[in-house]
Amino acid sequence: MNFSLPSKISEYSGKILHVFLILLTYVSFSGCSPYYFRDKVFRSESMGFFTIDISDLPDFESITKVKSLDHPITIDSARIKDYFGNLRYSRRSTIGYFADYVFSDHELDLLARDLPFALKSLPKDKLLLIVSKYDDTQSVISFDELTSCILWAADGRLNILFGRIKRELVDKDVGLDFNRWTKVDQIKLAHTSDGTEIADGETVDFGAVDGIPLRRWVLFDQKNPGKYKFLPRKQYQPLKLTDENDRP
């Protein structure tokens, strides 16, 4: 019987090293992005749509009390604008509060165009992760701004849980690489804040955590769609000077 102990030890050592490298790779990537092993549903130049497991949203079942999801669902582009178009956010900074629309005009058009396709193919046991980047200013000194959210439908309501809202990608190289700008921080059903939240409005309803409204978790009543109506935004035009008296 021919048995070489050193060769066997070398073989086992090689297997252990291989497993270690796999685990190291997993930890490295998952540490950078908790949704690294997600499945891509659809992508465009400025948006990424992914399916994630329910377990990727901590405490989902205990907080939402959802027994089953209403996926897949059919919502047309006009309804997407009705739901998302009037959402505004407020941000606290060292100089005060700033408020603006969550989705810019063209960004909203892209969302209304692409989201219906993602919702039609959303598995019954999955949640939808949306990552959007857009540069409102479109100048040589401006940056893309990142917005992330998780979407699911249950009990006749469409739920949107926001993570980052209009956060600048100061590294322009990141904005050019889809695999980099879609690596976002984990989104949680918890009262944590980076100074940004969804602003109150007449048709804005929030989900609650521990009985307190979570102003990053927006609910849309799909049984009463007439409650939401997209209000076209005022388009600002350059000031026209009529005569010399108007000039500075």
C-alpha atoms as a PDB file:
ATOM      1  CA  MET A   1       0.000   0.000   0.000  1.00  0.00           C
ATOM      2  CA  ASN A   2       1.544   3.228  -1.173  1.00  0.00           C
ATOM      3  CA  PHE A   3       0.667   6.124   1.129  1.00  0.00           C
ATOM      4  CA  SER A   4       2.485   9.446   1.210  1.00  0.00           C
ATOM      5  CA  LEU A   5       1.717  11.375   4.398  1.00  0.00           C
ATOM      6  CA  PRO A   6       3.370  14.646   3.304  1.00  0.00           C
ATOM      7  CA  SER A   7       1.399  14.689   0.052  1.00  0.00           C
ATOM      8  CA  LYS A   8      -1.862  14.098   1.926  1.00  0.00           C
ATOM      9  CA  ILE A   9      -1.075  16.912   4.362  1.00  0.00           C
ATOM     10  CA  SER A  10      -0.270  19.156   1.426  1.00  0.00           C
ATOM     11  CA  GLU A  11      -3.566  18.242  -0.257  1.00  0.00           C
ATOM     12  CA  TYR A  12      -5.624  18.969   2.853  1.00  0.00           C
ATOM     13  CA  SER A  13      -3.724  22.199   3.452  1.00  0.00           C
ATOM     14  CA  GLY A  14      -4.523  23.288  -0.088  1.00  0.00           C
ATOM     15  CA  LYS A  15      -8.241  22.621   0.443  1.00  0.00           C
ATOM     16  CA  ILE A  16      -8.254  24.509   3.738  1.00  0.00           C
ATOM     17  CA  LEU A  17      -6.495  27.447   2.087  1.00  0.00           C
ATOM     18  CA  HIS A  18      -9.037  27.404  -0.766  1.00  0.00           C
ATOM     19  CA  VAL A  19     -11.965  27.485   1.668  1.00  0.00           C
ATOM     20  CA  PHE A  20     -10.287  30.264   3.662  1.00  0.00           C
ATOM     21  CA  LEU A  21      -9.855  32.395   0.540  1.00  0.00           C
ATOM     22  CA  ILE A  22     -13.514  31.915  -0.366  1.00  0.00           C
ATOM     23  CA  LEU A  23     -14.603  32.980   3.123  1.00  0.00           C
ATOM     24  CA  LEU A  24     -12.225  35.928   3.060  1.00  0.00           C
ATOM     25  CA  THR A  25     -13.630  37.055  -0.279  1.00  0.00           C
ATOM     26  CA  TYR A  26     -17.190  36.717   1.017  1.00  0.00           C
ATOM     27  CA  VAL A  27     -16.451  38.720   4.165  1.00  0.00           C
ATOM     28  CA  SER A  28     -14.599  41.385   2.199  1.00  0.00           C
ATOM     29  CA  PHE A  29     -17.371  41.918  -0.343  1.00  0.00           C
ATOM     30  CA  SER A  30     -20.242  41.587   2.101  1.00  0.00           C
ATOM     31  CA  GLY A  31     -18.539  44.082   4.384  1.00  0.00           C
ATOM     32  CA  CYS A  32     -18.403  46.623   1.566  1.00  0.00           C
ATOM     33  CA  SER A  33     -21.988  46.027   0.527  1.00  0.00           C
ATOM     34  CA  PRO A  34     -24.602  44.012   2.465  1.00  0.00           C
ATOM     35  CA  TYR A  35     -26.465  43.394  -0.795  1.00  0.00           C
ATOM     36  CA  TYR A  36     -23.455  42.125  -2.752  1.00  0.00           C
ATOM     37  CA  PHE A  37     -25.018  38.780  -3.713  1.00  0.00           C
ATOM     38  CA  ARG A  38     -28.270  40.288  -4.974  1.00  0.00           C
ATOM     39  CA  ASP A  39     -29.954  39.465  -8.282  1.00  0.00           C
ATOM     40  CA  LYS A  40     -30.170  42.229 -10.848  1.00  0.00           C
ATOM     41  CA  VAL A  41     -33.624  42.698 -12.347  1.00  0.00           C
ATOM     42  CA  PHE A  42     -33.018  45.659 -14.577  1.00  0.00           C
ATOM     43  CA  ARG A  43     -30.526  48.465 -15.052  1.00  0.00           C
ATOM     44  CA  SER A  44     -30.170  51.672 -16.997  1.00  0.00           C
ATOM     45  CA  GLU A  45     -27.493  54.335 -17.079  1.00  0.00           C
ATOM     46  CA  SER A  46     -28.757  55.977 -13.889  1.00  0.00           C
ATOM     47  CA  MET A  47     -30.771  53.287 -12.106  1.00  0.00           C
ATOM     48  CA  GLY A  48     -30.332  49.791 -10.779  1.00  0.00           C
ATOM     49  CA  PHE A  49     -33.124  47.422  -9.711  1.00  0.00           C
ATOM     50  CA  PHE A  50     -32.296  44.318  -7.662  1.00  0.00           C
ATOM     51  CA  THR A  51     -34.168  41.623  -5.782  1.00  0.00           C
ATOM     52  CA  ILE A  52     -33.053  40.969  -2.210  1.00  0.00           C
ATOM     53  CA  ASP A  53     -34.163  38.486   0.410  1.00  0.00           C
ATOM     54  CA  ILE A  54     -36.547  39.456   3.184  1.00  0.00           C
ATOM     55  CA  SER A  55     -33.755  38.595   5.622  1.00  0.00           C
ATOM     56  CA  ASP A  56     -31.666  41.411   4.079  1.00  0.00           C
ATOM     57  CA  LEU A  57     -34.002  43.902   5.767  1.00  0.00           C
ATOM     58  CA  PRO A  58     -33.486  43.350   9.517  1.00  0.00           C
ATOM     59  CA  ASP A  59     -36.620  42.787  11.651  1.00  0.00           C
ATOM     60  CA  PHE A  60     -38.856  42.952   8.568  1.00  0.00           C
ATOM     61  CA  GLU A  61     -41.353  40.323   9.712  1.00  0.00           C
ATOM     62  CA  SER A  62     -41.509  41.395  13.349  1.00  0.00           C
ATOM     63  CA  ILE A  63     -42.021  45.086  12.542  1.00  0.00           C
ATOM     64  CA  THR A  64     -44.236  44.969   9.438  1.00  0.00           C
ATOM     65  CA  LYS A  65     -46.323  41.941  10.558  1.00  0.00           C
ATOM     66  CA  VAL A  66     -46.568  41.009   6.882  1.00  0.00           C
ATOM     67  CA  LYS A  67     -47.663  37.421   6.285  1.00  0.00           C
ATOM     68  CA  SER A  68     -47.358  37.448   2.501  1.00  0.00           C
ATOM     69  CA  LEU A  69     -46.306  39.883  -0.197  1.00  0.00           C
ATOM     70  CA  ASP A  70     -48.522  41.016  -3.078  1.00  0.00           C
ATOM     71  CA  HIS A  71     -45.847  40.436  -5.713  1.00  0.00           C
ATOM     72  CA  PRO A  72     -45.670  40.707  -8.641  1.00  0.00           C
ATOM     73  CA  ILE A  73     -47.749  43.847  -9.156  1.00  0.00           C
ATOM     74  CA  THR A  74     -48.747  45.953 -12.146  1.00  0.00           C
ATOM     75  CA  ILE A  75     -48.457  49.730 -11.866  1.00  0.00           C
ATOM     76  CA  ASP A  76     -48.253  51.947 -14.941  1.00  0.00           C
ATOM     77  CA  SER A  77     -45.900  54.885 -15.470  1.00  0.00           C
ATOM     78  CA  ALA A  78     -48.534  57.514 -14.717  1.00  0.00           C
ATOM     79  CA  ARG A  79     -49.282  55.927 -11.338  1.00  0.00           C
ATOM     80  CA  ILE A  80     -45.590  55.767 -10.514  1.00  0.00           C
ATOM     81  CA  LYS A  81     -45.434  59.536 -11.021  1.00  0.00           C
ATOM     82  CA  ASP A  82     -48.509  59.988  -8.845  1.00  0.00           C
ATOM     83  CA  TYR A  83     -46.853  58.054  -6.027  1.00  0.00           C
ATOM     84  CA  PHE A  84     -43.288  59.283  -6.242  1.00  0.00           C
ATOM     85  CA  GLY A  85     -43.573  62.655  -7.949  1.00  0.00           C
ATOM     86  CA  ASN A  86     -44.681  64.743  -4.965  1.00  0.00           C
ATOM     87  CA  LEU A  87     -42.304  63.266  -2.404  1.00  0.00           C
ATOM     88  CA  ARG A  88     -40.050  65.882  -0.860  1.00  0.00           C
ATOM     89  CA  TYR A  89     -37.230  65.528   1.619  1.00  0.00           C
ATOM     90  CA  SER A  90     -35.755  67.865   4.205  1.00  0.00           C
ATOM     91  CA  ARG A  91     -32.161  67.958   5.325  1.00  0.00           C
ATOM     92  CA  ARG A  92     -30.681  69.556   8.409  1.00  0.00           C
ATOM     93  CA  SER A  93     -27.285  71.151   8.043  1.00  0.00           C
ATOM     94  CA  THR A  94     -25.076  73.642   9.865  1.00  0.00           C
ATOM     95  CA  ILE A  95     -26.783  76.510   8.036  1.00  0.00           C
ATOM     96  CA  GLY A  96     -30.379  75.379   8.565  1.00  0.00           C
ATOM     97  CA  TYR A  97     -32.916  73.213   6.769  1.00  0.00           C
ATOM     98  CA  PHE A  98     -33.031  72.461   3.047  1.00  0.00           C
ATOM     99  CA  ALA A  99     -35.986  70.895   1.214  1.00  0.00           C
ATOM    100  CA  ASP A 100     -36.413  69.606  -2.331  1.00  0.00           C
ATOM    101  CA  TYR A 101     -37.991  66.819  -4.357  1.00  0.00           C
ATOM    102  CA  VAL A 102     -36.643  63.316  -3.733  1.00  0.00           C
ATOM    103  CA  PHE A 103     -36.606  62.580  -7.465  1.00  0.00           C
ATOM    104  CA  SER A 104     -35.618  65.253  -9.962  1.00  0.00           C
ATOM    105  CA  ASP A 105     -37.695  65.838 -13.100  1.00  0.00           C
ATOM    106  CA  HIS A 106     -35.749  63.650 -15.513  1.00  0.00           C
ATOM    107  CA  GLU A 107     -34.887  61.177 -12.755  1.00  0.00           C
ATOM    108  CA  LEU A 108     -38.622  60.783 -12.104  1.00  0.00           C
ATOM    109  CA  ASP A 109     -39.209  60.166 -15.813  1.00  0.00           C
ATOM    110  CA  LEU A 110     -36.618  57.374 -15.763  1.00  0.00           C
ATOM    111  CA  LEU A 111     -38.163  55.841 -12.649  1.00  0.00           C
ATOM    112  CA  ALA A 112     -41.662  55.959 -14.163  1.00  0.00           C
ATOM    113  CA  ARG A 113     -40.326  54.349 -17.329  1.00  0.00           C
ATOM    114  CA  ASP A 114     -38.340  51.522 -15.739  1.00  0.00           C
ATOM    115  CA  LEU A 115     -39.979  50.660 -12.405  1.00  0.00           C
ATOM    116  CA  PRO A 116     -43.139  49.059 -13.911  1.00  0.00           C
ATOM    117  CA  PHE A 117     -40.960  46.427 -15.614  1.00  0.00           C
ATOM    118  CA  ALA A 118     -39.193  45.612 -12.345  1.00  0.00           C
ATOM    119  CA  LEU A 119     -42.485  45.312 -10.454  1.00  0.00           C
ATOM    120  CA  LYS A 120     -43.954  42.948 -13.036  1.00  0.00           C
ATOM    121  CA  SER A 121     -41.086  40.516 -12.518  1.00  0.00           C
ATOM    122  CA  LEU A 122     -40.729  40.898  -8.743  1.00  0.00           C
ATOM    123  CA  PRO A 123     -40.902  37.411  -7.112  1.00  0.00           C
ATOM    124  CA  LYS A 124     -43.479  36.840  -4.421  1.00  0.00           C
ATOM    125  CA  ASP A 125     -40.867  36.165  -1.751  1.00  0.00           C
ATOM    126  CA  LYS A 126     -38.440  38.993  -2.601  1.00  0.00           C
ATOM    127  CA  LEU A 127     -38.088  42.730  -1.957  1.00  0.00           C
ATOM    128  CA  LEU A 128     -36.983  45.262  -4.562  1.00  0.00           C
ATOM    129  CA  LEU A 129     -33.871  47.357  -3.995  1.00  0.00           C
ATOM    130  CA  ILE A 130     -33.701  50.550  -6.071  1.00  0.00           C
ATOM    131  CA  VAL A 131     -30.538  52.605  -6.459  1.00  0.00           C
ATOM    132  CA  SER A 132     -30.678  55.841  -8.432  1.00  0.00           C
ATOM    133  CA  LYS A 133     -28.058  58.455  -9.220  1.00  0.00           C
ATOM    134  CA  TYR A 134     -28.661  61.732 -10.949  1.00  0.00           C
ATOM    135  CA  ASP A 135     -26.961  65.100 -11.357  1.00  0.00           C
ATOM    136  CA  ASP A 136     -29.531  67.905 -11.246  1.00  0.00           C
ATOM    137  CA  THR A 137     -27.097  70.638 -12.196  1.00  0.00           C
ATOM    138  CA  GLN A 138     -25.250  68.860 -15.022  1.00  0.00           C
ATOM    139  CA  SER A 139     -22.193  71.074 -14.825  1.00  0.00           C
ATOM    140  CA  VAL A 140     -18.464  70.401 -14.805  1.00  0.00           C
ATOM    141  CA  ILE A 141     -18.270  71.115 -11.061  1.00  0.00           C
ATOM    142  CA  SER A 142     -21.426  69.250  -9.978  1.00  0.00           C
ATOM    143  CA  PHE A 143     -21.719  65.652  -8.822  1.00  0.00           C
ATOM    144  CA  ASP A 144     -24.147  62.761  -9.145  1.00  0.00           C
ATOM    145  CA  GLU A 145     -26.422  62.366  -6.122  1.00  0.00           C
ATOM    146  CA  LEU A 146     -27.359  58.907  -4.863  1.00  0.00           C
ATOM    147  CA  THR A 147     -30.765  57.772  -3.604  1.00  0.00           C
ATOM    148  CA  SER A 148     -31.499  54.242  -2.378  1.00  0.00           C
ATOM    149  CA  CYS A 149     -34.706  52.579  -1.203  1.00  0.00           C
ATOM    150  CA  ILE A 150     -36.375  49.205  -0.685  1.00  0.00           C
ATOM    151  CA  LEU A 151     -39.861  48.605  -2.096  1.00  0.00           C
ATOM    152  CA  TRP A 152     -42.483  45.977  -1.344  1.00  0.00           C
ATOM    153  CA  ALA A 153     -46.250  45.597  -1.655  1.00  0.00           C
ATOM    154  CA  ALA A 154     -48.412  43.996   1.035  1.00  0.00           C
ATOM    155  CA  ASP A 155     -51.928  44.312   2.442  1.00  0.00           C
ATOM    156  CA  GLY A 156     -52.983  46.663  -0.355  1.00  0.00           C
ATOM    157  CA  ARG A 157     -50.180  49.134   0.305  1.00  0.00           C
ATOM    158  CA  LEU A 158     -46.995  50.009  -1.516  1.00  0.00           C
ATOM    159  CA  ASN A 159     -44.127  50.487   0.934  1.00  0.00           C
ATOM    160  CA  ILE A 160     -41.012  52.572   0.238  1.00  0.00           C
ATOM    161  CA  LEU A 161     -38.205  52.492   2.795  1.00  0.00           C
ATOM    162  CA  PHE A 162     -35.478  55.012   1.996  1.00  0.00           C
ATOM    163  CA  GLY A 163     -31.801  54.694   2.806  1.00  0.00           C
ATOM    164  CA  ARG A 164     -29.637  57.437   1.336  1.00  0.00           C
ATOM    165  CA  ILE A 165     -31.467  60.431  -0.124  1.00  0.00           C
ATOM    166  CA  LYS A 166     -29.623  62.742  -2.530  1.00  0.00           C
ATOM    167  CA  ARG A 167     -26.141  62.051  -1.202  1.00  0.00           C
ATOM    168  CA  GLU A 168     -23.305  63.313  -3.386  1.00  0.00           C
ATOM    169  CA  LEU A 169     -20.883  60.908  -5.024  1.00  0.00           C
ATOM    170  CA  VAL A 170     -17.844  63.131  -4.756  1.00  0.00           C
ATOM    171  CA  ASP A 171     -15.679  60.625  -6.625  1.00  0.00           C
ATOM    172  CA  LYS A 172     -16.684  60.998 -10.271  1.00  0.00           C
ATOM    173  CA  ASP A 173     -15.072  57.648 -11.131  1.00  0.00           C
ATOM    174  CA  VAL A 174     -17.562  55.918  -8.837  1.00  0.00           C
ATOM    175  CA  GLY A 175     -20.476  57.441 -10.755  1.00  0.00           C
ATOM    176  CA  LEU A 176     -19.166  55.950 -13.987  1.00  0.00           C
ATOM    177  CA  ASP A 177     -18.915  52.395 -12.637  1.00  0.00           C
ATOM    178  CA  PHE A 178     -22.299  50.663 -12.152  1.00  0.00           C
ATOM    179  CA  ASN A 179     -20.827  48.009  -9.842  1.00  0.00           C
ATOM    180  CA  ARG A 180     -19.424  50.697  -7.540  1.00  0.00           C
ATOM    181  CA  TRP A 181     -22.236  53.229  -7.186  1.00  0.00           C
ATOM    182  CA  THR A 182     -24.820  50.497  -6.589  1.00  0.00           C
ATOM    183  CA  LYS A 183     -22.948  49.241  -3.495  1.00  0.00           C
ATOM    184  CA  VAL A 184     -25.055  50.981  -0.874  1.00  0.00           C
ATOM    185  CA  ASP A 185     -25.239  50.883   2.903  1.00  0.00           C
ATOM    186  CA  GLN A 186     -27.709  48.543   4.550  1.00  0.00           C
ATOM    187  CA  ILE A 187     -31.196  50.010   4.878  1.00  0.00           C
ATOM    188  CA  LYS A 188     -32.970  49.372   8.186  1.00  0.00           C
ATOM    189  CA  LEU A 189     -36.405  49.651   9.745  1.00  0.00           C
ATOM    190  CA  ALA A 190     -35.006  51.696  12.592  1.00  0.00           C
ATOM    191  CA  HIS A 191     -35.020  55.252  13.902  1.00  0.00           C
ATOM    192  CA  THR A 192     -31.594  56.267  12.671  1.00  0.00           C
ATOM    193  CA  SER A 193     -30.957  59.469  10.793  1.00  0.00           C
ATOM    194  CA  ASP A 194     -28.217  61.195   8.846  1.00  0.00           C
ATOM    195  CA  GLY A 195     -30.084  64.502   9.032  1.00  0.00           C
ATOM    196  CA  THR A 196     -32.371  63.684   6.090  1.00  0.00           C
ATOM    197  CA  GLU A 197     -35.989  62.546   6.140  1.00  0.00           C
ATOM    198  CA  ILE A 198     -39.119  62.574   4.001  1.00  0.00           C
ATOM    199  CA  ALA A 199     -41.074  65.781   4.523  1.00  0.00           C
ATOM    200  CA  ASP A 200     -44.645  65.740   5.808  1.00  0.00           C
ATOM    201  CA  GLY A 201     -47.400  66.290   3.261  1.00  0.00           C
ATOM    202  CA  GLU A 202     -51.163  66.028   2.878  1.00  0.00           C
ATOM    203  CA  THR A 203     -50.935  62.646   1.162  1.00  0.00           C
ATOM    204  CA  VAL A 204     -47.804  61.317   2.885  1.00  0.00           C
ATOM    205  CA  ASP A 205     -48.353  58.454   5.326  1.00  0.00           C
ATOM    206  CA  PHE A 206     -45.522  56.905   7.298  1.00  0.00           C
ATOM    207  CA  GLY A 207     -45.008  53.448   8.693  1.00  0.00           C
ATOM    208  CA  ALA A 208     -44.408  53.230  12.426  1.00  0.00           C
ATOM    209  CA  VAL A 209     -41.674  51.557  14.452  1.00  0.00           C
ATOM    210  CA  ASP A 210     -42.371  51.183  18.184  1.00  0.00           C
ATOM    211  CA  GLY A 211     -45.439  53.376  17.671  1.00  0.00           C
ATOM    212  CA  ILE A 212     -43.410  56.291  16.313  1.00  0.00           C
ATOM    213  CA  PRO A 213     -43.606  57.361  12.625  1.00  0.00           C
ATOM    214  CA  LEU A 214     -40.464  56.413  10.736  1.00  0.00           C
ATOM    215  CA  ARG A 215     -40.039  59.317   8.322  1.00  0.00           C
ATOM    216  CA  ARG A 216     -38.112  57.241   5.829  1.00  0.00           C
ATOM    217  CA  TRP A 217     -40.858  54.633   5.454  1.00  0.00           C
ATOM    218  CA  VAL A 218     -43.639  55.876   3.179  1.00  0.00           C
ATOM    219  CA  LEU A 219     -46.939  54.055   2.619  1.00  0.00           C
ATOM    220  CA  PHE A 220     -49.145  54.377  -0.471  1.00  0.00           C
ATOM    221  CA  ASP A 221     -52.733  53.095  -0.288  1.00  0.00           C
ATOM    222  CA  GLN A 222     -53.256  51.111  -3.501  1.00  0.00           C
ATOM    223  CA  LYS A 223     -56.933  50.691  -2.669  1.00  0.00           C
ATOM    224  CA  ASN A 224     -57.386  54.458  -2.923  1.00  0.00           C
ATOM    225  CA  PRO A 225     -55.160  55.509  -5.854  1.00  0.00           C
ATOM    226  CA  GLY A 226     -57.179  58.687  -6.450  1.00  0.00           C
ATOM    227  CA  LYS A 227     -55.656  60.064  -3.252  1.00  0.00           C
ATOM    228  CA  TYR A 228     -52.375  60.634  -5.104  1.00  0.00           C
ATOM    229  CA  LYS A 229     -52.035  62.978  -8.050  1.00  0.00           C
ATOM    230  CA  PHE A 230     -48.777  64.160  -9.528  1.00  0.00           C
ATOM    231  CA  LEU A 231     -48.531  67.934  -9.467  1.00  0.00           C
ATOM    232  CA  PRO A 232     -46.380  69.227 -12.348  1.00  0.00           C
ATOM    233  CA  ARG A 233     -43.517  71.242 -11.025  1.00  0.00           C
ATOM    234  CA  LYS A 234     -43.038  74.888 -11.711  1.00  0.00           C
ATOM    235  CA  GLN A 235     -40.470  75.421 -14.407  1.00  0.00           C
ATOM    236  CA  TYR A 236     -38.292  78.407 -13.733  1.00  0.00           C
ATOM    237  CA  GLN A 237     -37.316  80.453 -16.784  1.00  0.00           C
ATOM    238  CA  PRO A 238     -34.473  82.965 -17.072  1.00  0.00           C
ATOM    239  CA  LEU A 239     -35.535  86.474 -16.132  1.00  0.00           C
ATOM    240  CA  LYS A 240     -36.093  88.619 -19.223  1.00  0.00           C
ATOM    241  CA  LEU A 241     -35.018  92.231 -18.922  1.00  0.00           C
ATOM    242  CA  THR A 242     -37.481  94.550 -20.629  1.00  0.00           C
ATOM    243  CA  ASP A 243     -35.595  97.838 -20.525  1.00  0.00           C
ATOM    244  CA  GLU A 244     -32.649  99.560 -18.933  1.00  0.00           C
ATOM    245  CA  ASN A 245     -34.599 100.246 -15.739  1.00  0.00           C
ATOM    246  CA  ASP A 246     -34.735  96.486 -15.062  1.00  0.00           C
ATOM    247  CA  ARG A 247     -31.011  95.988 -15.417  1.00  0.00           C
ATOM    248  CA  PRO A 248     -28.836  95.855 -12.319  1.00  0.00           C
END
